[in-house]
Amino acid sequence: MHALKKNRPLRRVVLASAATVSGLVMLLSLKPHTPPEIAAAPAPAPSSSSGAAAGSGGSGGSGGSSSSGKSTGTRTVTGQTVQTRWGPVQVRITVKNGRITDVTAVAYPSENPRDQQINSYAIPRLRSEALTAQSASIDTVLGATYTSDGYRRSLQSALDTTGL
């Protein structure tokens, strides 16, 4: 006869408890997708703009010089680091004569092969859409929802700094 079919409730309680404890130990031993060091590292940098952009975008008194900088010349601005579920995302833009001429993903999740696979097609598509739209109003890339959201938010912070 099977061990659980006997009329011994204490044996069932012990087996159920052991199974519960084993399941709990296995659950707690799972490793998160992003190591804690990566998620905590970019947090102290709320304003991750380039040196020239940080001075003009950070103070309220130099708003006029910021708008004159966007209409003439070339300016490179780095957006804020955005923490996503899978890791940080940060974008750098180059603006020339009031138009976005280049968008570069400075940081994005690339810790494991799956991240690399997803972002190998997502980052170029997001860059292309940003250059076409000339704004942060870009579509989410299917399969890269978190990266797309972080990219869009970092791009918007860079655009806010330039005054576009």
Protein backbone atom coordinates (compact mmCIF):
# COMPACT_ATOMS: atom_id res chain seq x y z
CA MET A 1 0.00 0.00 0.00
CA HIS A 2 1.17 3.57 -0.78
CA ALA A 3 2.74 5.58 2.08
CA LEU A 4 0.22 8.44 1.87
CA LYS A 5 -2.82 6.16 1.65
CA LYS A 6 -2.29 4.73 5.10
CA ASN A 7 -4.22 6.38 7.81
CA ARG A 8 -1.23 8.14 9.39
CA PRO A 9 -1.77 11.91 9.49
CA LEU A 10 1.58 12.63 11.16
CA ARG A 11 3.45 11.11 8.23
CA ARG A 12 1.47 13.31 5.79
CA VAL A 13 2.22 16.43 7.84
CA VAL A 14 5.94 15.64 7.90
CA LEU A 15 6.06 14.97 4.14
CA ALA A 16 4.05 18.11 3.33
CA SER A 17 6.30 20.21 5.58
CA ALA A 18 9.44 18.80 3.99
CA ALA A 19 8.09 19.49 0.50
CA THR A 20 7.17 23.06 1.47
CA VAL A 21 10.60 23.75 2.98
CA SER A 22 12.34 22.27 -0.07
CA GLY A 23 10.26 24.40 -2.42
CA LEU A 24 10.95 27.52 -0.39
CA VAL A 25 14.71 26.86 -0.38
CA MET A 26 14.71 26.39 -4.15
CA LEU A 27 12.69 29.58 -4.66
CA LEU A 28 15.02 31.64 -2.48
CA SER A 29 18.11 30.27 -4.21
CA LEU A 30 17.03 31.65 -7.61
CA LYS A 31 19.32 34.41 -8.87
CA PRO A 32 17.79 37.65 -10.17
CA HIS A 33 18.29 38.52 -13.84
CA THR A 34 20.27 41.67 -13.05
CA PRO A 35 22.98 41.55 -10.38
CA PRO A 36 22.31 44.02 -7.53
CA GLU A 37 25.57 45.93 -8.19
CA ILE A 38 24.42 46.96 -11.67
CA ALA A 39 20.99 48.07 -10.54
CA ALA A 40 22.44 50.16 -7.70
CA ALA A 41 25.46 51.67 -9.50
CA PRO A 42 23.85 54.36 -11.72
CA ALA A 43 21.43 55.63 -9.03
CA PRO A 44 23.76 58.41 -7.67
CA ALA A 45 23.92 60.11 -11.08
CA PRO A 46 20.56 61.92 -11.45
CA SER A 47 21.94 64.31 -14.09
CA SER A 48 24.11 62.38 -16.52
CA SER A 49 24.48 65.12 -19.11
CA SER A 50 27.74 65.97 -20.85
CA GLY A 51 29.86 68.69 -19.30
CA ALA A 52 28.69 71.54 -21.54
CA ALA A 53 25.07 70.46 -21.43
CA ALA A 54 25.00 69.99 -17.67
CA GLY A 55 25.98 73.60 -17.05
CA SER A 56 23.43 75.13 -19.40
CA GLY A 57 20.54 72.76 -18.67
CA GLY A 58 21.04 72.62 -14.91
CA SER A 59 20.63 76.31 -14.08
CA GLY A 60 17.46 78.26 -14.71
CA GLY A 61 19.33 81.52 -15.49
CA SER A 62 21.07 80.20 -18.57
CA GLY A 63 17.97 79.01 -20.40
CA GLY A 64 18.54 81.63 -23.09
CA SER A 65 22.01 80.33 -23.88
CA SER A 66 20.59 76.83 -24.10
CA SER A 67 18.12 77.82 -26.80
CA SER A 68 20.78 79.74 -28.74
CA GLY A 69 23.01 76.63 -28.55
CA LYS A 70 20.30 74.49 -30.12
CA SER A 71 19.71 76.77 -33.10
CA THR A 72 23.35 76.98 -34.20
CA GLY A 73 26.25 74.59 -33.87
CA THR A 74 26.52 70.99 -32.76
CA ARG A 75 25.77 69.84 -29.25
CA THR A 76 26.02 66.40 -27.67
CA VAL A 77 23.89 65.61 -24.61
CA THR A 78 23.64 62.43 -22.57
CA GLY A 79 20.25 61.61 -21.09
CA GLN A 80 19.60 60.32 -17.62
CA THR A 81 20.25 56.68 -16.79
CA VAL A 82 16.90 54.91 -16.56
CA GLN A 83 16.70 51.76 -14.44
CA THR A 84 14.62 49.05 -16.09
CA ARG A 85 13.74 45.58 -14.88
CA TRP A 86 16.68 44.08 -16.81
CA GLY A 87 19.26 46.83 -16.30
CA PRO A 88 20.12 50.47 -16.97
CA VAL A 89 19.41 52.25 -20.25
CA GLN A 90 21.04 55.54 -21.24
CA VAL A 91 21.03 57.48 -24.51
CA ARG A 92 23.33 60.18 -25.94
CA ILE A 93 22.08 62.50 -28.68
CA THR A 94 23.82 64.89 -31.04
CA VAL A 95 21.86 67.96 -32.09
CA LYS A 96 22.91 70.16 -35.00
CA ASN A 97 20.97 73.29 -35.95
CA GLY A 98 17.95 72.19 -33.92
CA ARG A 99 17.75 68.68 -35.43
CA ILE A 100 18.75 65.34 -33.93
CA THR A 101 21.57 64.04 -36.12
CA ASP A 102 22.69 61.06 -34.04
CA VAL A 103 21.36 58.89 -31.22
CA THR A 104 23.64 56.45 -29.42
CA ALA A 105 22.69 53.98 -26.71
CA VAL A 106 25.43 54.46 -24.11
CA ALA A 107 24.12 51.82 -21.69
CA TYR A 108 21.64 49.01 -22.16
CA PRO A 109 21.13 45.50 -20.75
CA SER A 110 23.80 43.16 -22.13
CA GLU A 111 24.63 40.89 -19.20
CA ASN A 112 23.58 37.62 -20.81
CA PRO A 113 23.08 36.19 -24.30
CA ARG A 114 19.32 36.81 -24.23
CA ASP A 115 19.82 40.52 -23.48
CA GLN A 116 22.38 40.73 -26.27
CA GLN A 117 20.03 39.00 -28.71
CA ILE A 118 17.08 41.26 -27.90
CA ASN A 119 19.06 44.48 -27.96
CA SER A 120 20.94 43.60 -31.16
CA TYR A 121 17.72 44.28 -33.06
CA ALA A 122 15.96 46.65 -30.63
CA ILE A 123 18.62 49.35 -30.25
CA PRO A 124 19.10 50.00 -34.02
CA ARG A 125 15.33 50.13 -34.53
CA LEU A 126 14.86 52.57 -31.62
CA ARG A 127 17.70 54.74 -32.99
CA SER A 128 16.12 54.80 -36.44
CA GLU A 129 12.71 55.71 -35.05
CA ALA A 130 14.16 58.51 -32.90
CA LEU A 131 15.99 60.01 -35.88
CA THR A 132 12.86 59.80 -38.03
CA ALA A 133 10.49 61.18 -35.38
CA GLN A 134 12.95 63.86 -34.17
CA SER A 135 11.39 63.33 -30.73
CA ALA A 136 10.90 60.74 -28.00
CA SER A 137 7.51 59.76 -29.46
CA ILE A 138 8.70 56.41 -30.74
CA ASP A 139 7.08 52.99 -30.88
CA THR A 140 7.93 50.18 -28.51
CA VAL A 141 9.94 47.38 -30.11
CA LEU A 142 8.13 44.07 -29.77
CA GLY A 143 10.01 41.83 -27.34
CA ALA A 144 12.00 44.72 -25.88
CA THR A 145 9.35 46.56 -23.91
CA TYR A 146 11.52 47.49 -20.93
CA THR A 147 14.47 48.57 -23.06
CA SER A 148 12.14 50.61 -25.30
CA ASP A 149 10.63 52.39 -22.31
CA GLY A 150 14.04 53.15 -20.79
CA TYR A 151 15.34 54.34 -24.17
CA ARG A 152 12.35 56.63 -24.64
CA ARG A 153 12.66 58.12 -21.12
CA SER A 154 16.43 58.70 -21.41
CA LEU A 155 15.95 60.23 -24.86
CA GLN A 156 13.28 62.58 -23.48
CA SER A 157 15.59 63.72 -20.67
CA ALA A 158 18.32 64.50 -23.22
CA LEU A 159 15.83 66.39 -25.39
CA ASP A 160 14.62 68.33 -22.34
CA THR A 161 18.21 69.36 -21.62
CA THR A 162 18.70 70.65 -25.16
CA GLY A 163 15.37 72.46 -25.18
CA LEU A 164 13.94 70.53 -28.13
